[in-house]
Amino acid sequence: MNDPTDTKTARYDIFCTLVRAKKPMTLSRIAKKMKIPRQNVAYHMPILEDSGLVIRDGDEYFCQPVFINDTVIEASVEKMTEILRVMLDTGIYADTESEDDKEQIAKNCLQAMIFLVASELTN
């Protein structure tokens, strides 16, 4: 994990795992869910804690409550759905005619955009 991109991706993945869980998780549970070594999760947690994105309570970690608030999640899904529709309407340039493939490409692009925005906010 010497590549900074890999490091940022790992932290983002850990954060997303906690957001999806909507409940506190131990390092072992996070690692098991992500199918990575516990030590990798432990390495990144202090940075996530220092950034204020993750809170530690004993052996468990959880996201700031604002990140798991249903109102915020619903609003985010609504906005991301709008962006995805614009991307699909604008046209996905791919060597495929399959609408499912184009939708998956658009979702991957949207996920990459979210990652870039999150990276900018934490720099």
PDB file of N, CA and C in Angstrom:
ATOM      1  N   MET A   1       0.820  -1.211   0.000  1.00  0.00           N
ATOM      2  CA  MET A   1       0.000   0.000   0.000  1.00  0.00           C
ATOM      3  C   MET A   1       0.849   1.255   0.000  1.00  0.00           C
ATOM      4  N   ASN A   2       1.909   1.246  -0.754  1.00  0.00           N
ATOM      5  CA  ASN A   2       2.756   2.424  -0.835  1.00  0.00           C
ATOM      6  C   ASN A   2       2.151   3.499  -1.715  1.00  0.00           C
ATOM      7  N   ASP A   3       1.307   3.112  -2.642  1.00  0.00           N
ATOM      8  CA  ASP A   3       0.671   4.046  -3.548  1.00  0.00           C
ATOM      9  C   ASP A   3      -0.388   4.852  -2.794  1.00  0.00           C
ATOM     10  N   PRO A   4      -0.284   6.199  -2.810  1.00  0.00           N
ATOM     11  CA  PRO A   4      -1.270   7.029  -2.095  1.00  0.00           C
ATOM     12  C   PRO A   4      -2.702   6.789  -2.553  1.00  0.00           C
ATOM     13  N   THR A   5      -2.878   6.453  -3.833  1.00  0.00           N
ATOM     14  CA  THR A   5      -4.226   6.177  -4.342  1.00  0.00           C
ATOM     15  C   THR A   5      -4.805   4.949  -3.651  1.00  0.00           C
ATOM     16  N   ASP A   6      -3.975   3.894  -3.490  1.00  0.00           N
ATOM     17  CA  ASP A   6      -4.426   2.695  -2.793  1.00  0.00           C
ATOM     18  C   ASP A   6      -4.808   3.013  -1.360  1.00  0.00           C
ATOM     19  N   THR A   7      -4.030   3.872  -0.714  1.00  0.00           N
ATOM     20  CA  THR A   7      -4.296   4.256   0.665  1.00  0.00           C
ATOM     21  C   THR A   7      -5.623   4.993   0.766  1.00  0.00           C
ATOM     22  N   LYS A   8      -5.843   5.956  -0.136  1.00  0.00           N
ATOM     23  CA  LYS A   8      -7.103   6.711  -0.121  1.00  0.00           C
ATOM     24  C   LYS A   8      -8.282   5.796  -0.425  1.00  0.00           C
ATOM     25  N   THR A   9      -8.104   4.883  -1.366  1.00  0.00           N
ATOM     26  CA  THR A   9      -9.164   3.950  -1.719  1.00  0.00           C
ATOM     27  C   THR A   9      -9.502   3.057  -0.532  1.00  0.00           C
ATOM     28  N   ALA A  10      -8.482   2.579   0.177  1.00  0.00           N
ATOM     29  CA  ALA A  10      -8.711   1.726   1.347  1.00  0.00           C
ATOM     30  C   ALA A  10      -9.492   2.478   2.416  1.00  0.00           C
ATOM     31  N   ARG A  11      -9.115   3.708   2.679  1.00  0.00           N
ATOM     32  CA  ARG A  11      -9.833   4.510   3.691  1.00  0.00           C
ATOM     33  C   ARG A  11     -11.269   4.762   3.255  1.00  0.00           C
ATOM     34  N   TYR A  12     -11.446   5.069   1.991  1.00  0.00           N
ATOM     35  CA  TYR A  12     -12.785   5.288   1.469  1.00  0.00           C
ATOM     36  C   TYR A  12     -13.627   4.020   1.617  1.00  0.00           C
ATOM     37  N   ASP A  13     -13.049   2.880   1.307  1.00  0.00           N
ATOM     38  CA  ASP A  13     -13.763   1.601   1.418  1.00  0.00           C
ATOM     39  C   ASP A  13     -14.122   1.289   2.872  1.00  0.00           C
ATOM     40  N   ILE A  14     -13.218   1.577   3.790  1.00  0.00           N
ATOM     41  CA  ILE A  14     -13.504   1.367   5.219  1.00  0.00           C
ATOM     42  C   ILE A  14     -14.653   2.280   5.641  1.00  0.00           C
ATOM     43  N   PHE A  15     -14.570   3.538   5.256  1.00  0.00           N
ATOM     44  CA  PHE A  15     -15.620   4.495   5.588  1.00  0.00           C
ATOM     45  C   PHE A  15     -16.967   4.036   5.036  1.00  0.00           C
ATOM     46  N   CYS A  16     -16.989   3.614   3.772  1.00  0.00           N
ATOM     47  CA  CYS A  16     -18.238   3.144   3.153  1.00  0.00           C
ATOM     48  C   CYS A  16     -18.790   1.918   3.867  1.00  0.00           C
ATOM     49  N   THR A  17     -17.913   1.037   4.310  1.00  0.00           N
ATOM     50  CA  THR A  17     -18.346  -0.148   5.049  1.00  0.00           C
ATOM     51  C   THR A  17     -19.063   0.262   6.324  1.00  0.00           C
ATOM     52  N   LEU A  18     -18.518   1.255   7.026  1.00  0.00           N
ATOM     53  CA  LEU A  18     -19.159   1.732   8.256  1.00  0.00           C
ATOM     54  C   LEU A  18     -20.475   2.448   7.954  1.00  0.00           C
ATOM     55  N   VAL A  19     -20.513   3.212   6.884  1.00  0.00           N
ATOM     56  CA  VAL A  19     -21.762   3.904   6.516  1.00  0.00           C
ATOM     57  C   VAL A  19     -22.852   2.881   6.232  1.00  0.00           C
ATOM     58  N   ARG A  20     -22.517   1.858   5.446  1.00  0.00           N
ATOM     59  CA  ARG A  20     -23.512   0.832   5.099  1.00  0.00           C
ATOM     60  C   ARG A  20     -23.969   0.043   6.316  1.00  0.00           C
ATOM     61  N   ALA A  21     -23.075  -0.161   7.274  1.00  0.00           N
ATOM     62  CA  ALA A  21     -23.414  -0.948   8.468  1.00  0.00           C
ATOM     63  C   ALA A  21     -24.449  -0.235   9.326  1.00  0.00           C
ATOM     64  N   LYS A  22     -24.387   1.081   9.363  1.00  0.00           N
ATOM     65  CA  LYS A  22     -25.296   1.891  10.179  1.00  0.00           C
ATOM     66  C   LYS A  22     -25.269   1.509  11.657  1.00  0.00           C
ATOM     67  N   LYS A  23     -24.167   0.875  12.075  1.00  0.00           N
ATOM     68  CA  LYS A  23     -24.009   0.530  13.488  1.00  0.00           C
ATOM     69  C   LYS A  23     -22.520   0.373  13.763  1.00  0.00           C
ATOM     70  N   PRO A  24     -22.121   0.476  15.030  1.00  0.00           N
ATOM     71  CA  PRO A  24     -20.693   0.332  15.355  1.00  0.00           C
ATOM     72  C   PRO A  24     -20.156  -1.037  14.965  1.00  0.00           C
ATOM     73  N   MET A  25     -18.890  -1.055  14.566  1.00  0.00           N
ATOM     74  CA  MET A  25     -18.229  -2.299  14.169  1.00  0.00           C
ATOM     75  C   MET A  25     -16.825  -2.347  14.773  1.00  0.00           C
ATOM     76  N   THR A  26     -16.380  -3.541  15.107  1.00  0.00           N
ATOM     77  CA  THR A  26     -15.007  -3.734  15.559  1.00  0.00           C
ATOM     78  C   THR A  26     -14.094  -3.813  14.339  1.00  0.00           C
ATOM     79  N   LEU A  27     -12.795  -3.688  14.586  1.00  0.00           N
ATOM     80  CA  LEU A  27     -11.828  -3.826  13.500  1.00  0.00           C
ATOM     81  C   LEU A  27     -11.979  -5.181  12.818  1.00  0.00           C
ATOM     82  N   SER A  28     -12.176  -6.218  13.624  1.00  0.00           N
ATOM     83  CA  SER A  28     -12.311  -7.573  13.067  1.00  0.00           C
ATOM     84  C   SER A  28     -13.543  -7.698  12.176  1.00  0.00           C
ATOM     85  N   ARG A  29     -14.658  -7.108  12.593  1.00  0.00           N
ATOM     86  CA  ARG A  29     -15.881  -7.176  11.782  1.00  0.00           C
ATOM     87  C   ARG A  29     -15.732  -6.406  10.481  1.00  0.00           C
ATOM     88  N   ILE A  30     -15.071  -5.246  10.555  1.00  0.00           N
ATOM     89  CA  ILE A  30     -14.832  -4.460   9.339  1.00  0.00           C
ATOM     90  C   ILE A  30     -13.955  -5.263   8.383  1.00  0.00           C
ATOM     91  N   ALA A  31     -12.870  -5.833   8.917  1.00  0.00           N
ATOM     92  CA  ALA A  31     -11.938  -6.610   8.097  1.00  0.00           C
ATOM     93  C   ALA A  31     -12.634  -7.815   7.460  1.00  0.00           C
ATOM     94  N   LYS A  32     -13.444  -8.487   8.235  1.00  0.00           N
ATOM     95  CA  LYS A  32     -14.162  -9.661   7.714  1.00  0.00           C
ATOM     96  C   LYS A  32     -15.126  -9.243   6.602  1.00  0.00           C
ATOM     97  N   LYS A  33     -15.841  -8.165   6.826  1.00  0.00           N
ATOM     98  CA  LYS A  33     -16.798  -7.670   5.832  1.00  0.00           C
ATOM     99  C   LYS A  33     -16.087  -7.272   4.543  1.00  0.00           C
ATOM    100  N   MET A  34     -14.909  -6.661   4.677  1.00  0.00           N
ATOM    101  CA  MET A  34     -14.159  -6.195   3.513  1.00  0.00           C
ATOM    102  C   MET A  34     -13.246  -7.273   2.916  1.00  0.00           C
ATOM    103  N   LYS A  35     -13.071  -8.361   3.658  1.00  0.00           N
ATOM    104  CA  LYS A  35     -12.202  -9.462   3.226  1.00  0.00           C
ATOM    105  C   LYS A  35     -10.752  -8.992   3.052  1.00  0.00           C
ATOM    106  N   ILE A  36     -10.294  -8.251   4.068  1.00  0.00           N
ATOM    107  CA  ILE A  36      -8.905  -7.804   4.106  1.00  0.00           C
ATOM    108  C   ILE A  36      -8.355  -8.079   5.500  1.00  0.00           C
ATOM    109  N   PRO A  37      -7.026  -8.081   5.674  1.00  0.00           N
ATOM    110  CA  PRO A  37      -6.456  -8.321   7.006  1.00  0.00           C
ATOM    111  C   PRO A  37      -6.853  -7.232   8.011  1.00  0.00           C
ATOM    112  N   ARG A  38      -7.070  -7.644   9.235  1.00  0.00           N
ATOM    113  CA  ARG A  38      -7.440  -6.730  10.319  1.00  0.00           C
ATOM    114  C   ARG A  38      -6.393  -5.622  10.478  1.00  0.00           C
ATOM    115  N   GLN A  39      -5.120  -5.982  10.287  1.00  0.00           N
ATOM    116  CA  GLN A  39      -4.036  -5.012  10.436  1.00  0.00           C
ATOM    117  C   GLN A  39      -4.180  -3.859   9.444  1.00  0.00           C
ATOM    118  N   ASN A  40      -4.673  -4.153   8.246  1.00  0.00           N
ATOM    119  CA  ASN A  40      -4.872  -3.093   7.259  1.00  0.00           C
ATOM    120  C   ASN A  40      -5.919  -2.092   7.745  1.00  0.00           C
ATOM    121  N   VAL A  41      -6.990  -2.613   8.316  1.00  0.00           N
ATOM    122  CA  VAL A  41      -8.046  -1.738   8.841  1.00  0.00           C
ATOM    123  C   VAL A  41      -7.485  -0.914  10.001  1.00  0.00           C
ATOM    124  N   ALA A  42      -6.766  -1.573  10.905  1.00  0.00           N
ATOM    125  CA  ALA A  42      -6.200  -0.894  12.082  1.00  0.00           C
ATOM    126  C   ALA A  42      -5.247   0.223  11.664  1.00  0.00           C
ATOM    127  N   TYR A  43      -4.518   0.019  10.588  1.00  0.00           N
ATOM    128  CA  TYR A  43      -3.560   1.025  10.099  1.00  0.00           C
ATOM    129  C   TYR A  43      -4.277   2.321   9.715  1.00  0.00           C
ATOM    130  N   HIS A  44      -5.452   2.211   9.098  1.00  0.00           N
ATOM    131  CA  HIS A  44      -6.154   3.379   8.566  1.00  0.00           C
ATOM    132  C   HIS A  44      -7.067   4.076   9.581  1.00  0.00           C
ATOM    133  N   MET A  45      -7.462   3.391  10.627  1.00  0.00           N
ATOM    134  CA  MET A  45      -8.450   3.964  11.546  1.00  0.00           C
ATOM    135  C   MET A  45      -7.993   5.254  12.235  1.00  0.00           C
ATOM    136  N   PRO A  46      -6.757   5.376  12.686  1.00  0.00           N
ATOM    137  CA  PRO A  46      -6.365   6.644  13.314  1.00  0.00           C
ATOM    138  C   PRO A  46      -6.515   7.846  12.383  1.00  0.00           C
ATOM    139  N   ILE A  47      -6.244   7.658  11.101  1.00  0.00           N
ATOM    140  CA  ILE A  47      -6.394   8.754  10.141  1.00  0.00           C
ATOM    141  C   ILE A  47      -7.860   9.113   9.970  1.00  0.00           C
ATOM    142  N   LEU A  48      -8.711   8.095   9.878  1.00  0.00           N
ATOM    143  CA  LEU A  48     -10.150   8.350   9.765  1.00  0.00           C
ATOM    144  C   LEU A  48     -10.696   9.009  11.028  1.00  0.00           C
ATOM    145  N   GLU A  49     -10.165   8.606  12.188  1.00  0.00           N
ATOM    146  CA  GLU A  49     -10.580   9.242  13.446  1.00  0.00           C
ATOM    147  C   GLU A  49     -10.132  10.701  13.491  1.00  0.00           C
ATOM    148  N   ASP A  50      -8.870  10.940  13.140  1.00  0.00           N
ATOM    149  CA  ASP A  50      -8.337  12.307  13.167  1.00  0.00           C
ATOM    150  C   ASP A  50      -9.082  13.232  12.218  1.00  0.00           C
ATOM    151  N   SER A  51      -9.588  12.665  11.110  1.00  0.00           N
ATOM    152  CA  SER A  51     -10.325  13.477  10.143  1.00  0.00           C
ATOM    153  C   SER A  51     -11.732  13.821  10.636  1.00  0.00           C
ATOM    154  N   GLY A  52     -12.184  13.112  11.682  1.00  0.00           N
ATOM    155  CA  GLY A  52     -13.522  13.353  12.207  1.00  0.00           C
ATOM    156  C   GLY A  52     -14.608  12.547  11.527  1.00  0.00           C
ATOM    157  N   LEU A  53     -14.233  11.696  10.566  1.00  0.00           N
ATOM    158  CA  LEU A  53     -15.227  10.896   9.861  1.00  0.00           C
ATOM    159  C   LEU A  53     -15.682   9.695  10.673  1.00  0.00           C
ATOM    160  N   VAL A  54     -14.791   9.193  11.534  1.00  0.00           N
ATOM    161  CA  VAL A  54     -15.061   7.985  12.307  1.00  0.00           C
ATOM    162  C   VAL A  54     -14.815   8.273  13.782  1.00  0.00           C
ATOM    163  N   ILE A  55     -15.657   7.705  14.621  1.00  0.00           N
ATOM    164  CA  ILE A  55     -15.543   7.851  16.073  1.00  0.00           C
ATOM    165  C   ILE A  55     -15.279   6.480  16.670  1.00  0.00           C
ATOM    166  N   ARG A  56     -14.407   6.453  17.659  1.00  0.00           N
ATOM    167  CA  ARG A  56     -14.102   5.196  18.344  1.00  0.00           C
ATOM    168  C   ARG A  56     -14.775   5.199  19.707  1.00  0.00           C
ATOM    169  N   ASP A  57     -15.387   4.074  20.035  1.00  0.00           N
ATOM    170  CA  ASP A  57     -15.990   3.878  21.348  1.00  0.00           C
ATOM    171  C   ASP A  57     -15.534   2.513  21.839  1.00  0.00           C
ATOM    172  N   GLY A  58     -14.492   2.494  22.647  1.00  0.00           N
ATOM    173  CA  GLY A  58     -13.921   1.233  23.094  1.00  0.00           C
ATOM    174  C   GLY A  58     -13.292   0.513  21.922  1.00  0.00           C
ATOM    175  N   ASP A  59     -13.776  -0.693  21.644  1.00  0.00           N
ATOM    176  CA  ASP A  59     -13.250  -1.484  20.527  1.00  0.00           C
ATOM    177  C   ASP A  59     -14.063  -1.302  19.251  1.00  0.00           C
ATOM    178  N   GLU A  60     -15.077  -0.457  19.292  1.00  0.00           N
ATOM    179  CA  GLU A  60     -15.953  -0.301  18.135  1.00  0.00           C
ATOM    180  C   GLU A  60     -15.790   1.079  17.499  1.00  0.00           C
ATOM    181  N   TYR A  61     -16.048   1.102  16.203  1.00  0.00           N
ATOM    182  CA  TYR A  61     -15.952   2.335  15.428  1.00  0.00           C
ATOM    183  C   TYR A  61     -17.282   2.583  14.730  1.00  0.00           C
ATOM    184  N   PHE A  62     -17.615   3.859  14.579  1.00  0.00           N
ATOM    185  CA  PHE A  62     -18.826   4.201  13.847  1.00  0.00           C
ATOM    186  C   PHE A  62     -18.641   5.560  13.198  1.00  0.00           C
ATOM    187  N   CYS A  63     -19.499   5.847  12.221  1.00  0.00           N
ATOM    188  CA  CYS A  63     -19.435   7.117  11.508  1.00  0.00           C
ATOM    189  C   CYS A  63     -20.082   8.211  12.330  1.00  0.00           C
ATOM    190  N   GLN A  64     -19.686   9.422  12.027  1.00  0.00           N
ATOM    191  CA  GLN A  64     -20.377  10.554  12.632  1.00  0.00           C
ATOM    192  C   GLN A  64     -21.866  10.383  12.337  1.00  0.00           C
ATOM    193  N   PRO A  65     -22.731  10.659  13.283  1.00  0.00           N
ATOM    194  CA  PRO A  65     -24.168  10.454  13.069  1.00  0.00           C
ATOM    195  C   PRO A  65     -24.723  11.121  11.815  1.00  0.00           C
ATOM    196  N   VAL A  66     -24.167  12.257  11.405  1.00  0.00           N
ATOM    197  CA  VAL A  66     -24.688  12.933  10.225  1.00  0.00           C
ATOM    198  C   VAL A  66     -24.574  12.049   8.982  1.00  0.00           C
ATOM    199  N   PHE A  67     -23.577  11.179   8.942  1.00  0.00           N
ATOM    200  CA  PHE A  67     -23.377  10.362   7.755  1.00  0.00           C
ATOM    201  C   PHE A  67     -24.360   9.203   7.660  1.00  0.00           C
ATOM    202  N   ILE A  68     -24.990   8.845   8.765  1.00  0.00           N
ATOM    203  CA  ILE A  68     -25.917   7.715   8.711  1.00  0.00           C
ATOM    204  C   ILE A  68     -27.362   8.158   8.956  1.00  0.00           C
ATOM    205  N   ASN A  69     -27.581   9.442   8.919  1.00  0.00           N
ATOM    206  CA  ASN A  69     -28.912  10.000   9.066  1.00  0.00           C
ATOM    207  C   ASN A  69     -29.705   9.688   7.790  1.00  0.00           C
ATOM    208  N   ASP A  70     -30.876   9.078   7.946  1.00  0.00           N
ATOM    209  CA  ASP A  70     -31.683   8.676   6.787  1.00  0.00           C
ATOM    210  C   ASP A  70     -32.021   9.846   5.870  1.00  0.00           C
ATOM    211  N   THR A  71     -32.247  11.026   6.436  1.00  0.00           N
ATOM    212  CA  THR A  71     -32.573  12.199   5.620  1.00  0.00           C
ATOM    213  C   THR A  71     -31.410  12.555   4.708  1.00  0.00           C
ATOM    214  N   VAL A  72     -30.190  12.527   5.252  1.00  0.00           N
ATOM    215  CA  VAL A  72     -29.000  12.839   4.454  1.00  0.00           C
ATOM    216  C   VAL A  72     -28.785  11.759   3.397  1.00  0.00           C
ATOM    217  N   ILE A  73     -28.960  10.509   3.769  1.00  0.00           N
ATOM    218  CA  ILE A  73     -28.775   9.413   2.817  1.00  0.00           C
ATOM    219  C   ILE A  73     -29.792   9.520   1.682  1.00  0.00           C
ATOM    220  N   GLU A  74     -31.061   9.777   2.010  1.00  0.00           N
ATOM    221  CA  GLU A  74     -32.097   9.904   0.982  1.00  0.00           C
ATOM    222  C   GLU A  74     -31.810  11.074   0.047  1.00  0.00           C
ATOM    223  N   ALA A  75     -31.386  12.204   0.615  1.00  0.00           N
ATOM    224  CA  ALA A  75     -31.059  13.369  -0.212  1.00  0.00           C
ATOM    225  C   ALA A  75     -29.862  13.068  -1.111  1.00  0.00           C
ATOM    226  N   SER A  76     -28.881  12.368  -0.587  1.00  0.00           N
ATOM    227  CA  SER A  76     -27.699  12.014  -1.383  1.00  0.00           C
ATOM    228  C   SER A  76     -28.075  11.082  -2.518  1.00  0.00           C
ATOM    229  N   VAL A  77     -28.896  10.093  -2.226  1.00  0.00           N
ATOM    230  CA  VAL A  77     -29.329   9.157  -3.265  1.00  0.00           C
ATOM    231  C   VAL A  77     -30.103   9.901  -4.346  1.00  0.00           C
ATOM    232  N   GLU A  78     -30.955  10.822  -3.928  1.00  0.00           N
ATOM    233  CA  GLU A  78     -31.748  11.597  -4.881  1.00  0.00           C
ATOM    234  C   GLU A  78     -30.837  12.393  -5.814  1.00  0.00           C
ATOM    235  N   LYS A  79     -29.855  13.088  -5.259  1.00  0.00           N
ATOM    236  CA  LYS A  79     -28.940  13.897  -6.070  1.00  0.00           C
ATOM    237  C   LYS A  79     -28.068  13.020  -6.964  1.00  0.00           C
ATOM    238  N   MET A  80     -27.576  11.915  -6.411  1.00  0.00           N
ATOM    239  CA  MET A  80     -26.735  11.028  -7.215  1.00  0.00           C
ATOM    240  C   MET A  80     -27.527  10.386  -8.347  1.00  0.00           C
ATOM    241  N   THR A  81     -28.795  10.103  -8.100  1.00  0.00           N
ATOM    242  CA  THR A  81     -29.654   9.559  -9.148  1.00  0.00           C
ATOM    243  C   THR A  81     -29.827  10.577 -10.266  1.00  0.00           C
ATOM    244  N   GLU A  82     -29.990  11.855  -9.890  1.00  0.00           N
ATOM    245  CA  GLU A  82     -30.085  12.916 -10.898  1.00  0.00           C
ATOM    246  C   GLU A  82     -28.816  12.972 -11.742  1.00  0.00           C
ATOM    247  N   ILE A  83     -27.661  12.915 -11.087  1.00  0.00           N
ATOM    248  CA  ILE A  83     -26.379  12.962 -11.802  1.00  0.00           C
ATOM    249  C   ILE A  83     -26.251  11.756 -12.726  1.00  0.00           C
ATOM    250  N   LEU A  84     -26.631  10.588 -12.238  1.00  0.00           N
ATOM    251  CA  LEU A  84     -26.559   9.377 -13.047  1.00  0.00           C
ATOM    252  C   LEU A  84     -27.450   9.499 -14.277  1.00  0.00           C
ATOM    253  N   ARG A  85     -28.652  10.046 -14.104  1.00  0.00           N
ATOM    254  CA  ARG A  85     -29.554  10.230 -15.248  1.00  0.00           C
ATOM    255  C   ARG A  85     -28.941  11.168 -16.286  1.00  0.00           C
ATOM    256  N   VAL A  86     -28.329  12.258 -15.813  1.00  0.00           N
ATOM    257  CA  VAL A  86     -27.680  13.203 -16.730  1.00  0.00           C
ATOM    258  C   VAL A  86     -26.554  12.504 -17.482  1.00  0.00           C
ATOM    259  N   MET A  87     -25.782  11.706 -16.771  1.00  0.00           N
ATOM    260  CA  MET A  87     -24.684  10.973 -17.415  1.00  0.00           C
ATOM    261  C   MET A  87     -25.217  10.033 -18.487  1.00  0.00           C
ATOM    262  N   LEU A  88     -26.294   9.324 -18.171  1.00  0.00           N
ATOM    263  CA  LEU A  88     -26.867   8.381 -19.139  1.00  0.00           C
ATOM    264  C   LEU A  88     -27.500   9.114 -20.325  1.00  0.00           C
ATOM    265  N   ASP A  89     -28.167  10.260 -20.042  1.00  0.00           N
ATOM    266  CA  ASP A  89     -28.796  11.031 -21.105  1.00  0.00           C
ATOM    267  C   ASP A  89     -27.754  11.690 -22.014  1.00  0.00           C
ATOM    268  N   THR A  90     -26.632  12.101 -21.431  1.00  0.00           N
ATOM    269  CA  THR A  90     -25.565  12.741 -22.193  1.00  0.00           C
ATOM    270  C   THR A  90     -24.933  11.750 -23.147  1.00  0.00           C
ATOM    271  N   GLY A  91     -24.877  10.537 -22.718  1.00  0.00           N
ATOM    272  CA  GLY A  91     -24.324   9.485 -23.572  1.00  0.00           C
ATOM    273  C   GLY A  91     -23.057   8.906 -22.981  1.00  0.00           C
ATOM    274  N   ILE A  92     -23.033   7.613 -22.925  1.00  0.00           N
ATOM    275  CA  ILE A  92     -21.860   6.890 -22.459  1.00  0.00           C
ATOM    276  C   ILE A  92     -21.172   6.344 -23.700  1.00  0.00           C
ATOM    277  N   TYR A  93     -19.942   6.714 -23.872  1.00  0.00           N
ATOM    278  CA  TYR A  93     -19.196   6.259 -25.038  1.00  0.00           C
ATOM    279  C   TYR A  93     -18.464   4.978 -24.678  1.00  0.00           C
ATOM    280  N   ALA A  94     -18.964   3.876 -25.187  1.00  0.00           N
ATOM    281  CA  ALA A  94     -18.384   2.571 -24.888  1.00  0.00           C
ATOM    282  C   ALA A  94     -18.556   1.669 -26.101  1.00  0.00           C
ATOM    283  N   ASP A  95     -17.774   0.639 -26.132  1.00  0.00           N
ATOM    284  CA  ASP A  95     -17.848  -0.335 -27.221  1.00  0.00           C
ATOM    285  C   ASP A  95     -18.939  -1.365 -26.949  1.00  0.00           C
ATOM    286  N   THR A  96     -20.065  -0.908 -26.455  1.00  0.00           N
ATOM    287  CA  THR A  96     -21.159  -1.825 -26.144  1.00  0.00           C
ATOM    288  C   THR A  96     -22.486  -1.166 -26.479  1.00  0.00           C
ATOM    289  N   GLU A  97     -23.405  -1.954 -26.859  1.00  0.00           N
ATOM    290  CA  GLU A  97     -24.762  -1.474 -27.108  1.00  0.00           C
ATOM    291  C   GLU A  97     -25.672  -1.788 -25.925  1.00  0.00           C
ATOM    292  N   SER A  98     -25.198  -2.599 -25.016  1.00  0.00           N
ATOM    293  CA  SER A  98     -26.000  -3.040 -23.886  1.00  0.00           C
ATOM    294  C   SER A  98     -26.284  -1.877 -22.928  1.00  0.00           C
ATOM    295  N   GLU A  99     -27.550  -1.652 -22.665  1.00  0.00           N
ATOM    296  CA  GLU A  99     -27.936  -0.597 -21.724  1.00  0.00           C
ATOM    297  C   GLU A  99     -27.441  -0.924 -20.307  1.00  0.00           C
ATOM    298  N   ASP A 100     -27.441  -2.223 -19.958  1.00  0.00           N
ATOM    299  CA  ASP A 100     -26.941  -2.624 -18.637  1.00  0.00           C
ATOM    300  C   ASP A 100     -25.464  -2.281 -18.491  1.00  0.00           C
ATOM    301  N   ASP A 101     -24.671  -2.529 -19.547  1.00  0.00           N
ATOM    302  CA  ASP A 101     -23.247  -2.203 -19.517  1.00  0.00           C
ATOM    303  C   ASP A 101     -23.044  -0.697 -19.394  1.00  0.00           C
ATOM    304  N   LYS A 102     -23.820   0.062 -20.162  1.00  0.00           N
ATOM    305  CA  LYS A 102     -23.706   1.522 -20.112  1.00  0.00           C
ATOM    306  C   LYS A 102     -24.073   2.047 -18.721  1.00  0.00           C
ATOM    307  N   GLU A 103     -25.107   1.458 -18.123  1.00  0.00           N
ATOM    308  CA  GLU A 103     -25.502   1.876 -16.776  1.00  0.00           C
ATOM    309  C   GLU A 103     -24.398   1.558 -15.775  1.00  0.00           C
ATOM    310  N   GLN A 104     -23.767   0.398 -15.912  1.00  0.00           N
ATOM    311  CA  GLN A 104     -22.681   0.038 -14.998  1.00  0.00           C
ATOM    312  C   GLN A 104     -21.496   0.985 -15.175  1.00  0.00           C
ATOM    313  N   ILE A 105     -21.195   1.353 -16.403  1.00  0.00           N
ATOM    314  CA  ILE A 105     -20.111   2.310 -16.665  1.00  0.00           C
ATOM    315  C   ILE A 105     -20.438   3.652 -16.015  1.00  0.00           C
ATOM    316  N   ALA A 106     -21.680   4.099 -16.147  1.00  0.00           N
ATOM    317  CA  ALA A 106     -22.093   5.368 -15.541  1.00  0.00           C
ATOM    318  C   ALA A 106     -21.992   5.294 -14.020  1.00  0.00           C
ATOM    319  N   LYS A 107     -22.398   4.168 -13.431  1.00  0.00           N
ATOM    320  CA  LYS A 107     -22.288   4.002 -11.979  1.00  0.00           C
ATOM    321  C   LYS A 107     -20.832   4.035 -11.539  1.00  0.00           C
ATOM    322  N   ASN A 108     -19.957   3.392 -12.302  1.00  0.00           N
ATOM    323  CA  ASN A 108     -18.530   3.420 -11.974  1.00  0.00           C
ATOM    324  C   ASN A 108     -17.981   4.844 -12.044  1.00  0.00           C
ATOM    325  N   CYS A 109     -18.408   5.599 -13.068  1.00  0.00           N
ATOM    326  CA  CYS A 109     -17.986   6.991 -13.190  1.00  0.00           C
ATOM    327  C   CYS A 109     -18.490   7.816 -12.010  1.00  0.00           C
ATOM    328  N   LEU A 110     -19.731   7.597 -11.623  1.00  0.00           N
ATOM    329  CA  LEU A 110     -20.306   8.317 -10.494  1.00  0.00           C
ATOM    330  C   LEU A 110     -19.546   7.996  -9.208  1.00  0.00           C
ATOM    331  N   GLN A 111     -19.228   6.733  -9.009  1.00  0.00           N
ATOM    332  CA  GLN A 111     -18.466   6.345  -7.824  1.00  0.00           C
ATOM    333  C   GLN A 111     -17.089   7.009  -7.840  1.00  0.00           C
ATOM    334  N   ALA A 112     -16.458   7.060  -8.997  1.00  0.00           N
ATOM    335  CA  ALA A 112     -15.156   7.719  -9.109  1.00  0.00           C
ATOM    336  C   ALA A 112     -15.271   9.211  -8.786  1.00  0.00           C
ATOM    337  N   MET A 113     -16.358   9.843  -9.256  1.00  0.00           N
ATOM    338  CA  MET A 113     -16.561  11.267  -8.964  1.00  0.00           C
ATOM    339  C   MET A 113     -16.723  11.489  -7.467  1.00  0.00           C
ATOM    340  N   ILE A 114     -17.474  10.626  -6.813  1.00  0.00           N
ATOM    341  CA  ILE A 114     -17.671  10.736  -5.362  1.00  0.00           C
ATOM    342  C   ILE A 114     -16.338  10.587  -4.647  1.00  0.00           C
ATOM    343  N   PHE A 115     -15.534   9.622  -5.083  1.00  0.00           N
ATOM    344  CA  PHE A 115     -14.222   9.410  -4.491  1.00  0.00           C
ATOM    345  C   PHE A 115     -13.353  10.661  -4.653  1.00  0.00           C
ATOM    346  N   LEU A 116     -13.370  11.261  -5.854  1.00  0.00           N
ATOM    347  CA  LEU A 116     -12.566  12.461  -6.094  1.00  0.00           C
ATOM    348  C   LEU A 116     -13.011  13.621  -5.208  1.00  0.00           C
ATOM    349  N   VAL A 117     -14.311  13.821  -5.079  1.00  0.00           N
ATOM    350  CA  VAL A 117     -14.825  14.894  -4.223  1.00  0.00           C
ATOM    351  C   VAL A 117     -14.430  14.640  -2.771  1.00  0.00           C
ATOM    352  N   ALA A 118     -14.591  13.398  -2.311  1.00  0.00           N
ATOM    353  CA  ALA A 118     -14.223  13.059  -0.939  1.00  0.00           C
ATOM    354  C   ALA A 118     -12.731  13.264  -0.714  1.00  0.00           C
ATOM    355  N   SER A 119     -11.916  12.928  -1.695  1.00  0.00           N
ATOM    356  CA  SER A 119     -10.469  13.111  -1.581  1.00  0.00           C
ATOM    357  C   SER A 119     -10.122  14.584  -1.461  1.00  0.00           C
ATOM    358  N   GLU A 120     -10.782  15.414  -2.250  1.00  0.00           N
ATOM    359  CA  GLU A 120     -10.539  16.857  -2.201  1.00  0.00           C
ATOM    360  C   GLU A 120     -10.926  17.433  -0.834  1.00  0.00           C
ATOM    361  N   LEU A 121     -12.014  16.930  -0.270  1.00  0.00           N
ATOM    362  CA  LEU A 121     -12.481  17.443   1.017  1.00  0.00           C
ATOM    363  C   LEU A 121     -11.552  17.059   2.163  1.00  0.00           C
ATOM    364  N   THR A 122     -10.857  15.923   2.035  1.00  0.00           N
ATOM    365  CA  THR A 122      -9.984  15.480   3.116  1.00  0.00           C
ATOM    366  C   THR A 122      -8.544  15.942   2.943  1.00  0.00           C
ATOM    367  N   ASN A 123      -8.244  16.624   1.844  1.00  0.00           N
ATOM    368  CA  ASN A 123      -6.874  17.140   1.627  1.00  0.00           C
ATOM    369  C   ASN A 123      -6.703  18.502   2.232  1.00  0.00           C
TER     370      ASN A 123
END
